[in-house]
Amino acid sequence: MKFLSGVVLGLILSMMSVWVLGAENERELHPRIAKAIFALKEARAYMEAAPHDFGGHKAEAIRASDEAIRQLNLALAYRARQDRR
């Protein structure tokens, strides 16, 4: 049982490293998307720390930033999967 769980864990870690390395490669291949993710993360952190609510738009802007970051990461992951084929 320990052997089997070790094998499964090894496979999962191996798959994760391929995904991470693929995503890193995609960031290099698509630097504008990588820069957009970085800029969105910085803007989100700025809004989160701001003492005001940007005229009531702060919460929705943070939510939209999170979704945009998620979608951009999914786009890079998709390209990484396609490039490995």
PDB file of N, CA and C in Angstrom:
ATOM      1  N   MET A   1       0.823  -1.198   0.000  1.00  0.00           N
ATOM      2  CA  MET A   1       0.000   0.000   0.000  1.00  0.00           C
ATOM      3  C   MET A   1       0.874   1.271   0.000  1.00  0.00           C
ATOM      4  N   LYS A   2       1.921   1.263   0.846  1.00  0.00           N
ATOM      5  CA  LYS A   2       2.813   2.420   0.881  1.00  0.00           C
ATOM      6  C   LYS A   2       3.477   2.622  -0.477  1.00  0.00           C
ATOM      7  N   PHE A   3       3.876   1.512  -1.105  1.00  0.00           N
ATOM      8  CA  PHE A   3       4.523   1.604  -2.406  1.00  0.00           C
ATOM      9  C   PHE A   3       3.586   2.238  -3.425  1.00  0.00           C
ATOM     10  N   LEU A   4       2.332   1.778  -3.431  1.00  0.00           N
ATOM     11  CA  LEU A   4       1.349   2.301  -4.384  1.00  0.00           C
ATOM     12  C   LEU A   4       1.096   3.788  -4.159  1.00  0.00           C
ATOM     13  N   SER A   5       0.940   4.188  -2.894  1.00  0.00           N
ATOM     14  CA  SER A   5       0.708   5.611  -2.631  1.00  0.00           C
ATOM     15  C   SER A   5       1.940   6.433  -3.002  1.00  0.00           C
ATOM     16  N   GLY A   6       3.146   5.870  -2.831  1.00  0.00           N
ATOM     17  CA  GLY A   6       4.365   6.559  -3.238  1.00  0.00           C
ATOM     18  C   GLY A   6       4.438   6.722  -4.743  1.00  0.00           C
ATOM     19  N   VAL A   7       4.015   5.688  -5.465  1.00  0.00           N
ATOM     20  CA  VAL A   7       4.009   5.756  -6.928  1.00  0.00           C
ATOM     21  C   VAL A   7       3.012   6.807  -7.400  1.00  0.00           C
ATOM     22  N   VAL A   8       1.821   6.804  -6.810  1.00  0.00           N
ATOM     23  CA  VAL A   8       0.796   7.783  -7.184  1.00  0.00           C
ATOM     24  C   VAL A   8       1.284   9.189  -6.889  1.00  0.00           C
ATOM     25  N   LEU A   9       1.867   9.381  -5.721  1.00  0.00           N
ATOM     26  CA  LEU A   9       2.398  10.701  -5.364  1.00  0.00           C
ATOM     27  C   LEU A   9       3.497  11.116  -6.344  1.00  0.00           C
ATOM     28  N   GLY A  10       4.370  10.185  -6.698  1.00  0.00           N
ATOM     29  CA  GLY A  10       5.429  10.478  -7.662  1.00  0.00           C
ATOM     30  C   GLY A  10       4.870  10.890  -9.012  1.00  0.00           C
ATOM     31  N   LEU A  11       3.831  10.194  -9.472  1.00  0.00           N
ATOM     32  CA  LEU A  11       3.207  10.547 -10.744  1.00  0.00           C
ATOM     33  C   LEU A  11       2.576  11.931 -10.687  1.00  0.00           C
ATOM     34  N   ILE A  12       1.915  12.219  -9.593  1.00  0.00           N
ATOM     35  CA  ILE A  12       1.276  13.535  -9.446  1.00  0.00           C
ATOM     36  C   ILE A  12       2.334  14.635  -9.452  1.00  0.00           C
ATOM     37  N   LEU A  13       3.406  14.437  -8.702  1.00  0.00           N
ATOM     38  CA  LEU A  13       4.467  15.448  -8.657  1.00  0.00           C
ATOM     39  C   LEU A  13       5.128  15.604 -10.015  1.00  0.00           C
ATOM     40  N   SER A  14       5.304  14.501 -10.716  1.00  0.00           N
ATOM     41  CA  SER A  14       5.894  14.563 -12.049  1.00  0.00           C
ATOM     42  C   SER A  14       5.008  15.348 -13.001  1.00  0.00           C
ATOM     43  N   MET A  15       3.712  15.086 -12.964  1.00  0.00           N
ATOM     44  CA  MET A  15       2.773  15.810 -13.823  1.00  0.00           C
ATOM     45  C   MET A  15       2.758  17.286 -13.473  1.00  0.00           C
ATOM     46  N   MET A  16       2.820  17.597 -12.182  1.00  0.00           N
ATOM     47  CA  MET A  16       2.817  19.002 -11.765  1.00  0.00           C
ATOM     48  C   MET A  16       4.072  19.714 -12.246  1.00  0.00           C
ATOM     49  N   SER A  17       5.220  19.032 -12.187  1.00  0.00           N
ATOM     50  CA  SER A  17       6.451  19.693 -12.624  1.00  0.00           C
ATOM     51  C   SER A  17       6.422  19.948 -14.120  1.00  0.00           C
ATOM     52  N   VAL A  18       5.845  19.010 -14.897  1.00  0.00           N
ATOM     53  CA  VAL A  18       5.707  19.229 -16.337  1.00  0.00           C
ATOM     54  C   VAL A  18       4.808  20.429 -16.587  1.00  0.00           C
ATOM     55  N   TRP A  19       3.703  20.517 -15.840  1.00  0.00           N
ATOM     56  CA  TRP A  19       2.784  21.643 -16.017  1.00  0.00           C
ATOM     57  C   TRP A  19       3.470  22.955 -15.662  1.00  0.00           C
ATOM     58  N   VAL A  20       4.198  22.973 -14.546  1.00  0.00           N
ATOM     59  CA  VAL A  20       4.878  24.200 -14.114  1.00  0.00           C
ATOM     60  C   VAL A  20       5.952  24.589 -15.126  1.00  0.00           C
ATOM     61  N   LEU A  21       6.762  23.631 -15.554  1.00  0.00           N
ATOM     62  CA  LEU A  21       7.800  23.944 -16.537  1.00  0.00           C
ATOM     63  C   LEU A  21       7.180  24.397 -17.843  1.00  0.00           C
ATOM     64  N   GLY A  22       6.084  23.752 -18.242  1.00  0.00           N
ATOM     65  CA  GLY A  22       5.385  24.168 -19.457  1.00  0.00           C
ATOM     66  C   GLY A  22       4.855  25.584 -19.330  1.00  0.00           C
ATOM     67  N   ALA A  23       4.305  25.910 -18.174  1.00  0.00           N
ATOM     68  CA  ALA A  23       3.772  27.257 -17.956  1.00  0.00           C
ATOM     69  C   ALA A  23       4.898  28.284 -17.987  1.00  0.00           C
ATOM     70  N   GLU A  24       6.047  27.933 -17.420  1.00  0.00           N
ATOM     71  CA  GLU A  24       7.190  28.859 -17.454  1.00  0.00           C
ATOM     72  C   GLU A  24       7.637  29.093 -18.887  1.00  0.00           C
ATOM     73  N   ASN A  25       7.683  28.031 -19.676  1.00  0.00           N
ATOM     74  CA  ASN A  25       8.063  28.161 -21.074  1.00  0.00           C
ATOM     75  C   ASN A  25       7.053  29.041 -21.810  1.00  0.00           C
ATOM     76  N   GLU A  26       5.787  28.856 -21.527  1.00  0.00           N
ATOM     77  CA  GLU A  26       4.751  29.662 -22.173  1.00  0.00           C
ATOM     78  C   GLU A  26       4.880  31.129 -21.788  1.00  0.00           C
ATOM     79  N   ARG A  27       5.279  31.413 -20.565  1.00  0.00           N
ATOM     80  CA  ARG A  27       5.492  32.807 -20.154  1.00  0.00           C
ATOM     81  C   ARG A  27       6.592  33.437 -21.009  1.00  0.00           C
ATOM     82  N   GLU A  28       7.614  32.649 -21.319  1.00  0.00           N
ATOM     83  CA  GLU A  28       8.692  33.154 -22.172  1.00  0.00           C
ATOM     84  C   GLU A  28       8.207  33.339 -23.616  1.00  0.00           C
ATOM     85  N   LEU A  29       7.354  32.424 -24.080  1.00  0.00           N
ATOM     86  CA  LEU A  29       6.847  32.502 -25.449  1.00  0.00           C
ATOM     87  C   LEU A  29       5.798  33.592 -25.628  1.00  0.00           C
ATOM     88  N   HIS A  30       5.129  33.942 -24.529  1.00  0.00           N
ATOM     89  CA  HIS A  30       4.060  34.945 -24.589  1.00  0.00           C
ATOM     90  C   HIS A  30       4.301  36.008 -23.513  1.00  0.00           C
ATOM     91  N   PRO A  31       5.340  36.823 -23.705  1.00  0.00           N
ATOM     92  CA  PRO A  31       5.711  37.779 -22.654  1.00  0.00           C
ATOM     93  C   PRO A  31       4.649  38.830 -22.370  1.00  0.00           C
ATOM     94  N   ARG A  32       3.828  39.173 -23.343  1.00  0.00           N
ATOM     95  CA  ARG A  32       2.780  40.176 -23.081  1.00  0.00           C
ATOM     96  C   ARG A  32       1.756  39.642 -22.096  1.00  0.00           C
ATOM     97  N   ILE A  33       1.424  38.359 -22.227  1.00  0.00           N
ATOM     98  CA  ILE A  33       0.471  37.762 -21.287  1.00  0.00           C
ATOM     99  C   ILE A  33       1.106  37.691 -19.896  1.00  0.00           C
ATOM    100  N   ALA A  34       2.374  37.300 -19.835  1.00  0.00           N
ATOM    101  CA  ALA A  34       3.068  37.242 -18.545  1.00  0.00           C
ATOM    102  C   ALA A  34       3.107  38.625 -17.888  1.00  0.00           C
ATOM    103  N   LYS A  35       3.378  39.663 -18.685  1.00  0.00           N
ATOM    104  CA  LYS A  35       3.401  41.032 -18.147  1.00  0.00           C
ATOM    105  C   LYS A  35       2.015  41.468 -17.679  1.00  0.00           C
ATOM    106  N   ALA A  36       0.983  41.062 -18.408  1.00  0.00           N
ATOM    107  CA  ALA A  36      -0.383  41.416 -18.009  1.00  0.00           C
ATOM    108  C   ALA A  36      -0.740  40.772 -16.674  1.00  0.00           C
ATOM    109  N   ILE A  37      -0.345  39.513 -16.497  1.00  0.00           N
ATOM    110  CA  ILE A  37      -0.602  38.835 -15.222  1.00  0.00           C
ATOM    111  C   ILE A  37       0.101  39.572 -14.092  1.00  0.00           C
ATOM    112  N   PHE A  38       1.360  39.925 -14.308  1.00  0.00           N
ATOM    113  CA  PHE A  38       2.130  40.650 -13.296  1.00  0.00           C
ATOM    114  C   PHE A  38       1.464  41.992 -12.967  1.00  0.00           C
ATOM    115  N   ALA A  39       1.068  42.729 -14.005  1.00  0.00           N
ATOM    116  CA  ALA A  39       0.441  44.042 -13.796  1.00  0.00           C
ATOM    117  C   ALA A  39      -0.888  43.904 -13.060  1.00  0.00           C
ATOM    118  N   LEU A  40      -1.676  42.908 -13.412  1.00  0.00           N
ATOM    119  CA  LEU A  40      -2.957  42.694 -12.722  1.00  0.00           C
ATOM    120  C   LEU A  40      -2.734  42.359 -11.254  1.00  0.00           C
ATOM    121  N   LYS A  41      -1.732  41.537 -10.971  1.00  0.00           N
ATOM    122  CA  LYS A  41      -1.435  41.186  -9.575  1.00  0.00           C
ATOM    123  C   LYS A  41      -1.007  42.420  -8.786  1.00  0.00           C
ATOM    124  N   GLU A  42      -0.196  43.277  -9.405  1.00  0.00           N
ATOM    125  CA  GLU A  42       0.224  44.507  -8.726  1.00  0.00           C
ATOM    126  C   GLU A  42      -0.962  45.438  -8.489  1.00  0.00           C
ATOM    127  N   ALA A  43      -1.806  45.603  -9.491  1.00  0.00           N
ATOM    128  CA  ALA A  43      -2.975  46.474  -9.359  1.00  0.00           C
ATOM    129  C   ALA A  43      -3.924  45.937  -8.290  1.00  0.00           C
ATOM    130  N   ARG A  44      -4.099  44.616  -8.278  1.00  0.00           N
ATOM    131  CA  ARG A  44      -4.975  43.998  -7.286  1.00  0.00           C
ATOM    132  C   ARG A  44      -4.447  44.254  -5.874  1.00  0.00           C
ATOM    133  N   ALA A  45      -3.147  44.073  -5.680  1.00  0.00           N
ATOM    134  CA  ALA A  45      -2.539  44.308  -4.364  1.00  0.00           C
ATOM    135  C   ALA A  45      -2.696  45.772  -3.949  1.00  0.00           C
ATOM    136  N   TYR A  46      -2.522  46.677  -4.906  1.00  0.00           N
ATOM    137  CA  TYR A  46      -2.685  48.102  -4.624  1.00  0.00           C
ATOM    138  C   TYR A  46      -4.123  48.405  -4.189  1.00  0.00           C
ATOM    139  N   MET A  47      -5.083  47.885  -4.946  1.00  0.00           N
ATOM    140  CA  MET A  47      -6.495  48.125  -4.600  1.00  0.00           C
ATOM    141  C   MET A  47      -6.839  47.521  -3.249  1.00  0.00           C
ATOM    142  N   GLU A  48      -6.348  46.324  -2.998  1.00  0.00           N
ATOM    143  CA  GLU A  48      -6.629  45.642  -1.730  1.00  0.00           C
ATOM    144  C   GLU A  48      -6.138  46.471  -0.546  1.00  0.00           C
ATOM    145  N   ALA A  49      -4.977  47.090  -0.692  1.00  0.00           N
ATOM    146  CA  ALA A  49      -4.385  47.859   0.407  1.00  0.00           C
ATOM    147  C   ALA A  49      -4.913  49.292   0.488  1.00  0.00           C
ATOM    148  N   ALA A  50      -5.595  49.748  -0.542  1.00  0.00           N
ATOM    149  CA  ALA A  50      -6.064  51.140  -0.574  1.00  0.00           C
ATOM    150  C   ALA A  50      -7.094  51.389   0.524  1.00  0.00           C
ATOM    151  N   PRO A  51      -7.038  52.563   1.156  1.00  0.00           N
ATOM    152  CA  PRO A  51      -7.976  52.873   2.231  1.00  0.00           C
ATOM    153  C   PRO A  51      -9.366  53.285   1.723  1.00  0.00           C
ATOM    154  N   HIS A  52      -9.494  53.538   0.425  1.00  0.00           N
ATOM    155  CA  HIS A  52     -10.784  53.967  -0.122  1.00  0.00           C
ATOM    156  C   HIS A  52     -11.329  52.879  -1.047  1.00  0.00           C
ATOM    157  N   ASP A  53     -12.565  53.036  -1.482  1.00  0.00           N
ATOM    158  CA  ASP A  53     -13.204  51.976  -2.276  1.00  0.00           C
ATOM    159  C   ASP A  53     -13.371  52.322  -3.759  1.00  0.00           C
ATOM    160  N   PHE A  54     -12.627  53.321  -4.220  1.00  0.00           N
ATOM    161  CA  PHE A  54     -12.655  53.702  -5.638  1.00  0.00           C
ATOM    162  C   PHE A  54     -14.084  53.923  -6.133  1.00  0.00           C
ATOM    163  N   GLY A  55     -14.828  54.691  -5.355  1.00  0.00           N
ATOM    164  CA  GLY A  55     -16.201  55.029  -5.745  1.00  0.00           C
ATOM    165  C   GLY A  55     -17.132  53.828  -5.785  1.00  0.00           C
ATOM    166  N   GLY A  56     -16.853  52.846  -4.957  1.00  0.00           N
ATOM    167  CA  GLY A  56     -17.705  51.659  -4.908  1.00  0.00           C
ATOM    168  C   GLY A  56     -17.308  50.570  -5.893  1.00  0.00           C
ATOM    169  N   HIS A  57     -16.190  50.751  -6.578  1.00  0.00           N
ATOM    170  CA  HIS A  57     -15.777  49.787  -7.608  1.00  0.00           C
ATOM    171  C   HIS A  57     -14.663  48.848  -7.152  1.00  0.00           C
ATOM    172  N   LYS A  58     -14.167  49.044  -5.950  1.00  0.00           N
ATOM    173  CA  LYS A  58     -13.013  48.283  -5.480  1.00  0.00           C
ATOM    174  C   LYS A  58     -13.267  46.778  -5.461  1.00  0.00           C
ATOM    175  N   ALA A  59     -14.333  46.345  -4.839  1.00  0.00           N
ATOM    176  CA  ALA A  59     -14.601  44.903  -4.702  1.00  0.00           C
ATOM    177  C   ALA A  59     -14.767  44.240  -6.063  1.00  0.00           C
ATOM    178  N   GLU A  60     -15.520  44.862  -6.949  1.00  0.00           N
ATOM    179  CA  GLU A  60     -15.728  44.277  -8.282  1.00  0.00           C
ATOM    180  C   GLU A  60     -14.448  44.305  -9.102  1.00  0.00           C
ATOM    181  N   ALA A  61     -13.640  45.338  -8.959  1.00  0.00           N
ATOM    182  CA  ALA A  61     -12.367  45.410  -9.678  1.00  0.00           C
ATOM    183  C   ALA A  61     -11.418  44.311  -9.203  1.00  0.00           C
ATOM    184  N   ILE A  62     -11.397  44.053  -7.916  1.00  0.00           N
ATOM    185  CA  ILE A  62     -10.565  42.970  -7.375  1.00  0.00           C
ATOM    186  C   ILE A  62     -11.066  41.628  -7.900  1.00  0.00           C
ATOM    187  N   ARG A  63     -12.374  41.418  -7.884  1.00  0.00           N
ATOM    188  CA  ARG A  63     -12.947  40.168  -8.382  1.00  0.00           C
ATOM    189  C   ARG A  63     -12.630  39.986  -9.866  1.00  0.00           C
ATOM    190  N   ALA A  64     -12.786  41.042 -10.646  1.00  0.00           N
ATOM    191  CA  ALA A  64     -12.520  40.971 -12.084  1.00  0.00           C
ATOM    192  C   ALA A  64     -11.034  40.731 -12.344  1.00  0.00           C
ATOM    193  N   SER A  65     -10.174  41.330 -11.533  1.00  0.00           N
ATOM    194  CA  SER A  65      -8.736  41.106 -11.672  1.00  0.00           C
ATOM    195  C   SER A  65      -8.392  39.646 -11.395  1.00  0.00           C
ATOM    196  N   ASP A  66      -8.977  39.098 -10.345  1.00  0.00           N
ATOM    197  CA  ASP A  66      -8.753  37.682 -10.026  1.00  0.00           C
ATOM    198  C   ASP A  66      -9.189  36.792 -11.186  1.00  0.00           C
ATOM    199  N   GLU A  67     -10.331  37.081 -11.759  1.00  0.00           N
ATOM    200  CA  GLU A  67     -10.841  36.284 -12.877  1.00  0.00           C
ATOM    201  C   GLU A  67      -9.950  36.449 -14.112  1.00  0.00           C
ATOM    202  N   ALA A  68      -9.497  37.653 -14.376  1.00  0.00           N
ATOM    203  CA  ALA A  68      -8.612  37.878 -15.523  1.00  0.00           C
ATOM    204  C   ALA A  68      -7.294  37.123 -15.346  1.00  0.00           C
ATOM    205  N   ILE A  69      -6.739  37.160 -14.153  1.00  0.00           N
ATOM    206  CA  ILE A  69      -5.505  36.419 -13.869  1.00  0.00           C
ATOM    207  C   ILE A  69      -5.735  34.927 -14.069  1.00  0.00           C
ATOM    208  N   ARG A  70      -6.853  34.431 -13.572  1.00  0.00           N
ATOM    209  CA  ARG A  70      -7.181  33.009 -13.724  1.00  0.00           C
ATOM    210  C   ARG A  70      -7.284  32.631 -15.195  1.00  0.00           C
ATOM    211  N   GLN A  71      -7.993  33.439 -15.972  1.00  0.00           N
ATOM    212  CA  GLN A  71      -8.178  33.144 -17.392  1.00  0.00           C
ATOM    213  C   GLN A  71      -6.862  33.199 -18.160  1.00  0.00           C
ATOM    214  N   LEU A  72      -6.020  34.162 -17.854  1.00  0.00           N
ATOM    215  CA  LEU A  72      -4.726  34.261 -18.529  1.00  0.00           C
ATOM    216  C   LEU A  72      -3.840  33.063 -18.196  1.00  0.00           C
ATOM    217  N   ASN A  73      -3.864  32.623 -16.943  1.00  0.00           N
ATOM    218  CA  ASN A  73      -3.108  31.424 -16.574  1.00  0.00           C
ATOM    219  C   ASN A  73      -3.654  30.189 -17.279  1.00  0.00           C
ATOM    220  N   LEU A  74      -4.972  30.099 -17.406  1.00  0.00           N
ATOM    221  CA  LEU A  74      -5.566  28.979 -18.142  1.00  0.00           C
ATOM    222  C   LEU A  74      -5.160  29.014 -19.609  1.00  0.00           C
ATOM    223  N   ALA A  75      -5.095  30.202 -20.180  1.00  0.00           N
ATOM    224  CA  ALA A  75      -4.672  30.334 -21.580  1.00  0.00           C
ATOM    225  C   ALA A  75      -3.236  29.841 -21.755  1.00  0.00           C
ATOM    226  N   LEU A  76      -2.346  30.211 -20.831  1.00  0.00           N
ATOM    227  CA  LEU A  76      -0.967  29.742 -20.899  1.00  0.00           C
ATOM    228  C   LEU A  76      -0.885  28.222 -20.709  1.00  0.00           C
ATOM    229  N   ALA A  77      -1.681  27.702 -19.792  1.00  0.00           N
ATOM    230  CA  ALA A  77      -1.690  26.248 -19.564  1.00  0.00           C
ATOM    231  C   ALA A  77      -2.189  25.515 -20.805  1.00  0.00           C
ATOM    232  N   TYR A  78      -3.194  26.062 -21.465  1.00  0.00           N
ATOM    233  CA  TYR A  78      -3.697  25.460 -22.704  1.00  0.00           C
ATOM    234  C   TYR A  78      -2.600  25.407 -23.757  1.00  0.00           C
ATOM    235  N   ARG A  79      -1.906  26.533 -23.932  1.00  0.00           N
ATOM    236  CA  ARG A  79      -0.835  26.569 -24.930  1.00  0.00           C
ATOM    237  C   ARG A  79       0.261  25.565 -24.576  1.00  0.00           C
ATOM    238  N   ALA A  80       0.570  25.430 -23.290  1.00  0.00           N
ATOM    239  CA  ALA A  80       1.594  24.485 -22.869  1.00  0.00           C
ATOM    240  C   ALA A  80       1.186  23.058 -23.237  1.00  0.00           C
ATOM    241  N   ARG A  81      -0.084  22.733 -23.019  1.00  0.00           N
ATOM    242  CA  ARG A  81      -0.571  21.383 -23.393  1.00  0.00           C
ATOM    243  C   ARG A  81      -0.505  21.175 -24.891  1.00  0.00           C
ATOM    244  N   GLN A  82      -0.885  22.187 -25.665  1.00  0.00           N
ATOM    245  CA  GLN A  82      -0.855  22.078 -27.120  1.00  0.00           C
ATOM    246  C   GLN A  82       0.564  21.951 -27.650  1.00  0.00           C
ATOM    247  N   ASP A  83       1.482  22.657 -27.055  1.00  0.00           N
ATOM    248  CA  ASP A  83       2.872  22.648 -27.511  1.00  0.00           C
ATOM    249  C   ASP A  83       3.554  21.312 -27.214  1.00  0.00           C
ATOM    250  N   ARG A  84       3.068  20.587 -26.194  1.00  0.00           N
ATOM    251  CA  ARG A  84       3.666  19.293 -25.853  1.00  0.00           C
ATOM    252  C   ARG A  84       3.213  18.191 -26.806  1.00  0.00           C
ATOM    253  N   ARG A  85       2.206  18.449 -27.624  1.00  0.00           N
ATOM    254  CA  ARG A  85       1.694  17.414 -28.530  1.00  0.00           C
ATOM    255  C   ARG A  85       2.575  17.208 -29.704  1.00  0.00           C
TER     256      ARG A  85
END
